Amino acid sequence: MSIDERLTRLEHRESITELRAAYCYRIDSRDWDGFADLFTEDAHLDFGPTGTYDGRVAVRDFAENVVGAEHPFLAHMVHNPLIEIDGETATGTWYFEVPCTFRDGSAGWIQGIYHDEYRLVDDEWLFAEIVADFNYFAEYDEGWAEIVADS
């Protein structure tokens, strides 16, 4: 692989990492339009128990009316990325942890793994698909240890 190819690969990887960070910041700050702009027009979300959503409009609706309605406070943290780039498409796997509050005023923890597909559109990486595998939704004061012990 040439130095130019290696540099391009690193630039793509950094752009995808920044895309994932923008996802976290925009949903946590309730920037619903900015959040939706991170997705392709035909994006697909599969958030397990909260449903599946197809298209950028549905993604925005999910963010505001599902996530936003259920969680007054969120602080997404993502880490341990595995990113594979193949031309104008890529995949990524990330752990996520989200301290949060729930609509009823209680505090909690959410943890799982994001499985992403990305597409390069007009020289910009966007989410084409996200599948979220949740390991737990736990009440803050009860913790998560019993939940994962029972799974």
Foldseek 3Di string as FASTA:
>chain_A
DDPVVVVVVVVVVVLVVVLVVQCQVCLQVVVLVSNLVQADQQAWEAADPQGIATGSVRSSCCSCVPVVQFWVGKHKDKDDWDWDDDPFKIKIKIKIKIWTATNVGFTWIWIWMWIFMWGQDPNHIGTRYIYTDTQDIGTPVVDCVVSNVVD
